[in-house]
Amino acid sequence: MKRMKKGFTLVEIMIVVAIIAILAAVAIPNFIKYRRSSQATACVSNLKQIMAAKEQCLLAGDTAFAKLYGSTGYIKVEPRCPAQPDVAYTTGDATTDPTCTYSQTDADDTSTWHKLDRNTAGGGGGE
């Protein structure tokens, strides 16, 4: 009597590995794109929060923004850009918007910036 050996052949394992590699080749670039997009959205949200805190400081009469951050300030913890957490946002003065210094060139050679758009920031004109 012949004895049957159980297990996978080398060809079957190679086919499974090839399928996983193809799926990874499709999924990883999309994951990177969505991650970069979510970081930009979070950064713009932080910029809007800083702008709202600056406006509250101005309404309170503080033009130097001394109470912007801290336990007694308008924002408890100073927000950081998710793409570069070691660099702080530039708050600016009363006439300028807060800015992020992040810039990266995408694979298609277009520059990605984290910018606050005045039309969507809640402080734009209402004409």
C-alpha atoms as a PDB file:
ATOM      1  CA  MET A   1       0.000   0.000   0.000  1.00  0.00           C
ATOM      2  CA  LYS A   2       1.071   3.473  -0.816  1.00  0.00           C
ATOM      3  CA  ARG A   3       1.321   5.899   1.999  1.00  0.00           C
ATOM      4  CA  MET A   4      -0.080   9.417   1.288  1.00  0.00           C
ATOM      5  CA  LYS A   5       2.000  12.329   2.407  1.00  0.00           C
ATOM      6  CA  LYS A   6       0.074  15.341   3.630  1.00  0.00           C
ATOM      7  CA  GLY A   7       1.222  18.906   3.093  1.00  0.00           C
ATOM      8  CA  PHE A   8       1.607  21.617   0.491  1.00  0.00           C
ATOM      9  CA  THR A   9       3.796  21.456  -2.550  1.00  0.00           C
ATOM     10  CA  LEU A  10       6.376  24.094  -3.333  1.00  0.00           C
ATOM     11  CA  VAL A  11       4.317  25.342  -6.286  1.00  0.00           C
ATOM     12  CA  GLU A  12       1.238  25.890  -4.110  1.00  0.00           C
ATOM     13  CA  ILE A  13       3.247  27.849  -1.563  1.00  0.00           C
ATOM     14  CA  MET A  14       4.830  29.962  -4.300  1.00  0.00           C
ATOM     15  CA  ILE A  15       1.398  30.773  -5.750  1.00  0.00           C
ATOM     16  CA  VAL A  16       0.122  31.908  -2.344  1.00  0.00           C
ATOM     17  CA  VAL A  17       3.230  34.065  -1.789  1.00  0.00           C
ATOM     18  CA  ALA A  18       2.821  35.604  -5.255  1.00  0.00           C
ATOM     19  CA  ILE A  19      -0.835  36.459  -4.552  1.00  0.00           C
ATOM     20  CA  ILE A  20       0.104  38.083  -1.223  1.00  0.00           C
ATOM     21  CA  ALA A  21       2.872  40.071  -2.939  1.00  0.00           C
ATOM     22  CA  ILE A  22       0.450  41.360  -5.585  1.00  0.00           C
ATOM     23  CA  LEU A  23      -2.075  42.385  -2.931  1.00  0.00           C
ATOM     24  CA  ALA A  24       0.664  44.143  -0.940  1.00  0.00           C
ATOM     25  CA  ALA A  25       1.893  45.955  -4.051  1.00  0.00           C
ATOM     26  CA  VAL A  26      -1.610  47.361  -4.540  1.00  0.00           C
ATOM     27  CA  ALA A  27      -2.461  48.043  -0.901  1.00  0.00           C
ATOM     28  CA  ILE A  28       0.729  49.702   0.401  1.00  0.00           C
ATOM     29  CA  PRO A  29       0.743  52.737  -1.958  1.00  0.00           C
ATOM     30  CA  ASN A  30      -2.944  53.343  -1.216  1.00  0.00           C
ATOM     31  CA  PHE A  31      -2.258  53.091   2.506  1.00  0.00           C
ATOM     32  CA  ILE A  32       0.541  55.662   2.210  1.00  0.00           C
ATOM     33  CA  LYS A  33      -1.711  58.001   0.197  1.00  0.00           C
ATOM     34  CA  TYR A  34      -4.557  57.773   2.727  1.00  0.00           C
ATOM     35  CA  ARG A  35      -2.158  58.220   5.634  1.00  0.00           C
ATOM     36  CA  ARG A  36      -0.708  61.381   4.066  1.00  0.00           C
ATOM     37  CA  SER A  37      -4.226  62.669   3.396  1.00  0.00           C
ATOM     38  CA  SER A  38      -5.340  62.058   6.980  1.00  0.00           C
ATOM     39  CA  GLN A  39      -2.207  63.772   8.316  1.00  0.00           C
ATOM     40  CA  ALA A  40      -2.962  66.838   6.175  1.00  0.00           C
ATOM     41  CA  THR A  41      -6.565  66.876   7.433  1.00  0.00           C
ATOM     42  CA  ALA A  42      -5.423  66.626  11.061  1.00  0.00           C
ATOM     43  CA  CYS A  43      -2.866  69.380  10.485  1.00  0.00           C
ATOM     44  CA  VAL A  44      -5.468  71.745   9.001  1.00  0.00           C
ATOM     45  CA  SER A  45      -7.738  70.945  11.946  1.00  0.00           C
ATOM     46  CA  ASN A  46      -4.908  71.919  14.322  1.00  0.00           C
ATOM     47  CA  LEU A  47      -4.379  75.159  12.403  1.00  0.00           C
ATOM     48  CA  LYS A  48      -8.096  75.961  12.735  1.00  0.00           C
ATOM     49  CA  GLN A  49      -7.904  75.288  16.475  1.00  0.00           C
ATOM     50  CA  ILE A  50      -4.907  77.627  16.822  1.00  0.00           C
ATOM     51  CA  MET A  51      -6.681  80.306  14.781  1.00  0.00           C
ATOM     52  CA  ALA A  52      -9.782  80.072  16.988  1.00  0.00           C
ATOM     53  CA  ALA A  53      -7.610  80.349  20.101  1.00  0.00           C
ATOM     54  CA  LYS A  54      -5.851  83.398  18.630  1.00  0.00           C
ATOM     55  CA  GLU A  55      -9.216  85.026  17.980  1.00  0.00           C
ATOM     56  CA  GLN A  56     -10.276  84.354  21.580  1.00  0.00           C
ATOM     57  CA  CYS A  57      -6.997  85.902  22.802  1.00  0.00           C
ATOM     58  CA  LEU A  58      -7.631  88.972  20.668  1.00  0.00           C
ATOM     59  CA  LEU A  59     -11.170  89.290  22.023  1.00  0.00           C
ATOM     60  CA  ALA A  60      -9.751  89.117  25.547  1.00  0.00           C
ATOM     61  CA  GLY A  61      -7.288  91.908  24.700  1.00  0.00           C
ATOM     62  CA  ASP A  62      -4.124  89.778  24.625  1.00  0.00           C
ATOM     63  CA  THR A  63      -2.310  90.728  21.405  1.00  0.00           C
ATOM     64  CA  ALA A  64       0.931  88.937  22.379  1.00  0.00           C
ATOM     65  CA  PHE A  65      -0.826  85.559  22.654  1.00  0.00           C
ATOM     66  CA  ALA A  66       0.830  84.913  26.025  1.00  0.00           C
ATOM     67  CA  LYS A  67      -2.046  82.711  27.198  1.00  0.00           C
ATOM     68  CA  LEU A  68      -2.474  80.732  23.995  1.00  0.00           C
ATOM     69  CA  TYR A  69      -1.017  77.448  25.325  1.00  0.00           C
ATOM     70  CA  GLY A  70      -0.797  75.890  28.774  1.00  0.00           C
ATOM     71  CA  SER A  71      -3.025  74.735  31.598  1.00  0.00           C
ATOM     72  CA  THR A  72      -4.577  78.201  31.924  1.00  0.00           C
ATOM     73  CA  GLY A  73      -4.518  78.972  28.191  1.00  0.00           C
ATOM     74  CA  TYR A  74      -7.024  78.530  25.424  1.00  0.00           C
ATOM     75  CA  ILE A  75      -5.305  75.340  24.230  1.00  0.00           C
ATOM     76  CA  LYS A  76      -4.044  73.000  26.957  1.00  0.00           C
ATOM     77  CA  VAL A  77      -1.352  71.218  24.917  1.00  0.00           C
ATOM     78  CA  GLU A  78       0.426  72.815  21.987  1.00  0.00           C
ATOM     79  CA  PRO A  79      -0.632  70.864  18.885  1.00  0.00           C
ATOM     80  CA  ARG A  80       1.957  69.425  16.531  1.00  0.00           C
ATOM     81  CA  CYS A  81       1.766  68.463  12.885  1.00  0.00           C
ATOM     82  CA  PRO A  82       1.248  64.684  12.583  1.00  0.00           C
ATOM     83  CA  ALA A  83       3.704  64.535   9.679  1.00  0.00           C
ATOM     84  CA  GLN A  84       6.524  66.239  11.632  1.00  0.00           C
ATOM     85  CA  PRO A  85       5.818  66.151  15.374  1.00  0.00           C
ATOM     86  CA  ASP A  86       9.194  67.662  16.305  1.00  0.00           C
ATOM     87  CA  VAL A  87       8.410  71.019  14.649  1.00  0.00           C
ATOM     88  CA  ALA A  88       5.945  73.475  16.189  1.00  0.00           C
ATOM     89  CA  TYR A  89       3.415  75.513  14.247  1.00  0.00           C
ATOM     90  CA  THR A  90       4.161  79.152  13.510  1.00  0.00           C
ATOM     91  CA  THR A  91       1.489  81.116  15.330  1.00  0.00           C
ATOM     92  CA  GLY A  92       2.129  84.481  13.689  1.00  0.00           C
ATOM     93  CA  ASP A  93       0.767  87.826  14.811  1.00  0.00           C
ATOM     94  CA  ALA A  94      -2.776  89.173  14.916  1.00  0.00           C
ATOM     95  CA  THR A  95      -2.923  89.786  11.163  1.00  0.00           C
ATOM     96  CA  THR A  96      -1.523  86.464   9.924  1.00  0.00           C
ATOM     97  CA  ASP A  97      -2.881  82.949  10.042  1.00  0.00           C
ATOM     98  CA  PRO A  98      -1.015  80.137  11.801  1.00  0.00           C
ATOM     99  CA  THR A  99       1.128  78.098   9.431  1.00  0.00           C
ATOM    100  CA  CYS A 100       2.714  74.694   9.165  1.00  0.00           C
ATOM    101  CA  THR A 101       6.173  74.342   7.676  1.00  0.00           C
ATOM    102  CA  TYR A 102       5.541  70.857   6.271  1.00  0.00           C
ATOM    103  CA  SER A 103       6.224  70.331   2.585  1.00  0.00           C
ATOM    104  CA  GLN A 104       6.842  67.089   0.756  1.00  0.00           C
ATOM    105  CA  THR A 105       6.987  66.172  -2.898  1.00  0.00           C
ATOM    106  CA  ASP A 106       4.689  63.329  -3.866  1.00  0.00           C
ATOM    107  CA  ALA A 107       5.593  60.546  -6.272  1.00  0.00           C
ATOM    108  CA  ASP A 108       3.972  62.509  -9.103  1.00  0.00           C
ATOM    109  CA  ASP A 109       6.214  65.524  -8.346  1.00  0.00           C
ATOM    110  CA  THR A 110       3.500  67.717  -6.866  1.00  0.00           C
ATOM    111  CA  SER A 111       4.262  69.486  -3.638  1.00  0.00           C
ATOM    112  CA  THR A 112       2.021  68.706  -0.670  1.00  0.00           C
ATOM    113  CA  TRP A 113       1.539  71.512   1.838  1.00  0.00           C
ATOM    114  CA  HIS A 114      -0.509  71.729   4.973  1.00  0.00           C
ATOM    115  CA  LYS A 115      -2.263  75.068   4.523  1.00  0.00           C
ATOM    116  CA  LEU A 116      -5.155  76.763   6.223  1.00  0.00           C
ATOM    117  CA  ASP A 117      -7.723  77.844   3.660  1.00  0.00           C
ATOM    118  CA  ARG A 118      -9.474  81.010   4.844  1.00  0.00           C
ATOM    119  CA  ASN A 119     -12.632  80.097   2.909  1.00  0.00           C
ATOM    120  CA  THR A 120     -13.113  76.893   4.909  1.00  0.00           C
ATOM    121  CA  ALA A 121     -11.607  78.001   8.223  1.00  0.00           C
ATOM    122  CA  GLY A 122     -14.779  79.548   9.582  1.00  0.00           C
ATOM    123  CA  GLY A 123     -13.322  83.057   9.537  1.00  0.00           C
ATOM    124  CA  GLY A 124     -13.872  83.868   5.886  1.00  0.00           C
ATOM    125  CA  GLY A 125     -16.142  86.482   4.417  1.00  0.00           C
ATOM    126  CA  GLY A 126     -19.834  85.901   4.130  1.00  0.00           C
ATOM    127  CA  GLU A 127     -20.718  87.636   0.882  1.00  0.00           C
END
